[in-house]
């Protein structure tokens, strides 16, 4: 039983670290807006 408890503790610790990293990225990192140009292919007619 201690092995199962240790496994769940490690999984919980990894989950907490992952959520903390996501929270830190969402809170402290500001995205820089910039224009995006995407070329659109025009369909060619067969006639």
C-alpha atoms as a PDB file:
ATOM      1  CA  UNK A   1       0.000   0.000   0.000  1.00  0.00           C
ATOM      2  CA  UNK A   2       2.819   2.522   0.597  1.00  0.00           C
ATOM      3  CA  UNK A   3       3.917   2.061  -3.035  1.00  0.00           C
ATOM      4  CA  UNK A   4       0.445   2.977  -4.303  1.00  0.00           C
ATOM      5  CA  UNK A   5       0.330   6.024  -2.038  1.00  0.00           C
ATOM      6  CA  UNK A   6       3.769   7.109  -3.249  1.00  0.00           C
ATOM      7  CA  UNK A   7       2.635   6.701  -6.873  1.00  0.00           C
ATOM      8  CA  UNK A   8      -0.446   8.864  -6.299  1.00  0.00           C
ATOM      9  CA  UNK A   9       1.650  11.452  -4.466  1.00  0.00           C
ATOM     10  CA  UNK A  10       4.085  11.698  -7.398  1.00  0.00           C
ATOM     11  CA  UNK A  11       1.230  11.959  -9.913  1.00  0.00           C
ATOM     12  CA  UNK A  12      -0.439  14.670  -7.816  1.00  0.00           C
ATOM     13  CA  UNK A  13       2.846  16.556  -7.496  1.00  0.00           C
ATOM     14  CA  UNK A  14       3.384  16.456 -11.279  1.00  0.00           C
ATOM     15  CA  UNK A  15      -0.177  17.669 -11.845  1.00  0.00           C
ATOM     16  CA  UNK A  16       0.319  20.574  -9.438  1.00  0.00           C
ATOM     17  CA  UNK A  17       3.602  21.546 -11.116  1.00  0.00           C
ATOM     18  CA  UNK A  18       1.926  21.392 -14.543  1.00  0.00           C
ATOM     19  CA  UNK A  19      -1.000  23.552 -13.470  1.00  0.00           C
ATOM     20  CA  UNK A  20       1.360  26.015 -11.776  1.00  0.00           C
ATOM     21  CA  UNK A  21       3.382  26.306 -14.984  1.00  0.00           C
ATOM     22  CA  UNK A  22       0.240  26.917 -17.054  1.00  0.00           C
ATOM     23  CA  UNK A  23      -0.990  29.513 -14.565  1.00  0.00           C
ATOM     24  CA  UNK A  24       2.373  31.297 -14.587  1.00  0.00           C
ATOM     25  CA  UNK A  25       2.445  31.379 -18.402  1.00  0.00           C
ATOM     26  CA  UNK A  26      -1.122  32.670 -18.600  1.00  0.00           C
ATOM     27  CA  UNK A  27      -0.510  35.317 -15.945  1.00  0.00           C
ATOM     28  CA  UNK A  28       2.961  36.675 -16.656  1.00  0.00           C
ATOM     29  CA  UNK A  29       3.430  36.283 -20.429  1.00  0.00           C
ATOM     30  CA  UNK A  30       1.795  38.886 -22.654  1.00  0.00           C
ATOM     31  CA  UNK A  31       1.324  37.939 -26.310  1.00  0.00           C
ATOM     32  CA  UNK A  32       2.581  40.457 -28.844  1.00  0.00           C
ATOM     33  CA  UNK A  33      -0.043  41.252 -31.491  1.00  0.00           C
ATOM     34  CA  UNK A  34       1.113  41.251 -35.092  1.00  0.00           C
ATOM     35  CA  UNK A  35      -0.517  41.044 -38.499  1.00  0.00           C
ATOM     36  CA  UNK A  36      -0.759  37.721 -40.250  1.00  0.00           C
ATOM     37  CA  UNK A  37      -1.092  37.447 -44.011  1.00  0.00           C
ATOM     38  CA  UNK A  38      -2.357  34.148 -45.378  1.00  0.00           C
ATOM     39  CA  UNK A  39      -2.435  33.607 -49.157  1.00  0.00           C
ATOM     40  CA  UNK A  40      -5.692  32.136 -50.403  1.00  0.00           C
ATOM     41  CA  UNK A  41      -5.584  29.911 -53.479  1.00  0.00           C
ATOM     42  CA  UNK A  42      -8.118  30.802 -56.142  1.00  0.00           C
ATOM     43  CA  UNK A  43      -9.933  27.968 -57.914  1.00  0.00           C
ATOM     44  CA  UNK A  44      -9.018  27.586 -61.581  1.00  0.00           C
ATOM     45  CA  UNK A  45     -11.845  27.120 -64.065  1.00  0.00           C
ATOM     46  CA  UNK A  46     -11.504  24.345 -66.614  1.00  0.00           C
ATOM     47  CA  UNK A  47     -13.137  26.312 -69.491  1.00  0.00           C
END
